[in-house]
Amino acid sequence: MLSCKELVAHSSDLLDSQLSLRQRLAVRAHLAMCLRCRRFIKQMRLTQAVLRQLPQEPIAELDALAAKLAELRRKSS
């Protein structure tokens, strides 16, 4: 059975559907037993879905907002 560390190492390939049948079975067996890794994979899938929703082209307003937030963070530190 995979360790948690091994599952994390395979997580990107799992999310990209690039695991062999044997690897997928090992991952599924581990996830059936490990709540923390199930949560980790769920969070990774959510992150992947959110990132896919982001626009491809940079948006000037977002860049300006990011710069303003960075400036405020520097001032508060």
Protein backbone atom coordinates (compact mmCIF):
# COMPACT_ATOMS: atom_id res chain seq x y z
CA MET A 1 0.00 0.00 0.00
CA LEU A 2 1.14 3.54 -0.73
CA SER A 3 2.28 5.85 2.02
CA CYS A 4 0.83 9.36 2.27
CA LYS A 5 4.11 10.73 0.95
CA GLU A 6 3.93 8.46 -2.10
CA LEU A 7 0.32 9.46 -2.73
CA VAL A 8 1.26 13.14 -2.70
CA ALA A 9 4.08 12.38 -5.15
CA HIS A 10 1.54 10.73 -7.50
CA SER A 11 -1.21 13.34 -7.00
CA SER A 12 -0.47 15.40 -10.12
CA ASP A 13 -0.42 12.31 -12.32
CA LEU A 14 -3.67 11.17 -10.69
CA LEU A 15 -5.38 14.48 -11.40
CA ASP A 16 -4.07 14.45 -14.98
CA SER A 17 -5.23 10.83 -15.49
CA GLN A 18 -1.69 9.67 -16.22
CA LEU A 19 -1.40 6.75 -13.80
CA SER A 20 -1.16 3.14 -14.86
CA LEU A 21 -3.91 0.75 -13.78
CA ARG A 22 -1.70 -0.63 -11.01
CA GLN A 23 -0.91 2.87 -9.74
CA ARG A 24 -4.59 3.90 -9.85
CA LEU A 25 -5.54 0.83 -7.83
CA ALA A 26 -2.83 1.57 -5.26
CA VAL A 27 -4.00 5.19 -4.98
CA ARG A 28 -7.64 4.14 -4.62
CA ALA A 29 -6.74 1.60 -1.93
CA HIS A 30 -4.85 4.26 0.00
CA LEU A 31 -7.64 6.82 -0.37
CA ALA A 32 -10.17 4.26 0.91
CA MET A 33 -8.17 4.07 4.16
CA CYS A 34 -6.84 7.62 4.59
CA LEU A 35 -9.16 10.54 5.34
CA ARG A 36 -6.33 13.10 5.20
CA CYS A 37 -5.29 12.07 1.70
CA ARG A 38 -8.93 12.07 0.54
CA ARG A 39 -9.17 15.65 1.79
CA PHE A 40 -5.87 16.51 0.09
CA ILE A 41 -7.02 15.12 -3.28
CA LYS A 42 -10.40 16.83 -2.91
CA GLN A 43 -8.65 20.15 -2.29
CA MET A 44 -6.32 19.57 -5.25
CA ARG A 45 -9.30 18.88 -7.52
CA LEU A 46 -11.04 22.02 -6.30
CA THR A 47 -7.88 24.07 -6.88
CA GLN A 48 -7.54 22.62 -10.37
CA ALA A 49 -11.17 23.48 -11.17
CA VAL A 50 -10.77 27.05 -9.90
CA LEU A 51 -7.59 27.57 -11.90
CA ARG A 52 -9.33 26.38 -15.05
CA GLN A 53 -11.96 29.11 -14.55
CA LEU A 54 -9.40 31.92 -14.48
CA PRO A 55 -9.06 34.01 -17.64
CA GLN A 56 -6.08 33.22 -19.86
CA GLU A 57 -5.22 36.83 -20.66
CA PRO A 58 -3.94 39.13 -17.92
CA ILE A 59 -6.50 41.64 -16.72
CA ALA A 60 -5.14 45.13 -16.00
CA GLU A 61 -7.51 45.69 -13.07
CA LEU A 62 -6.33 42.49 -11.39
CA ASP A 63 -2.69 43.45 -11.81
CA ALA A 64 -3.40 46.86 -10.26
CA LEU A 65 -5.31 45.25 -7.40
CA ALA A 66 -2.50 42.76 -6.77
CA ALA A 67 0.04 45.58 -6.69
CA LYS A 68 -2.11 47.58 -4.25
CA LEU A 69 -2.55 44.56 -1.96
CA ALA A 70 1.19 43.88 -2.04
CA GLU A 71 1.87 47.51 -1.11
CA LEU A 72 -0.60 47.37 1.78
CA ARG A 73 0.98 44.14 3.00
CA ARG A 74 4.45 45.70 2.95
CA LYS A 75 3.20 48.72 4.90
CA SER A 76 1.52 46.58 7.55
CA SER A 77 4.59 44.39 8.12
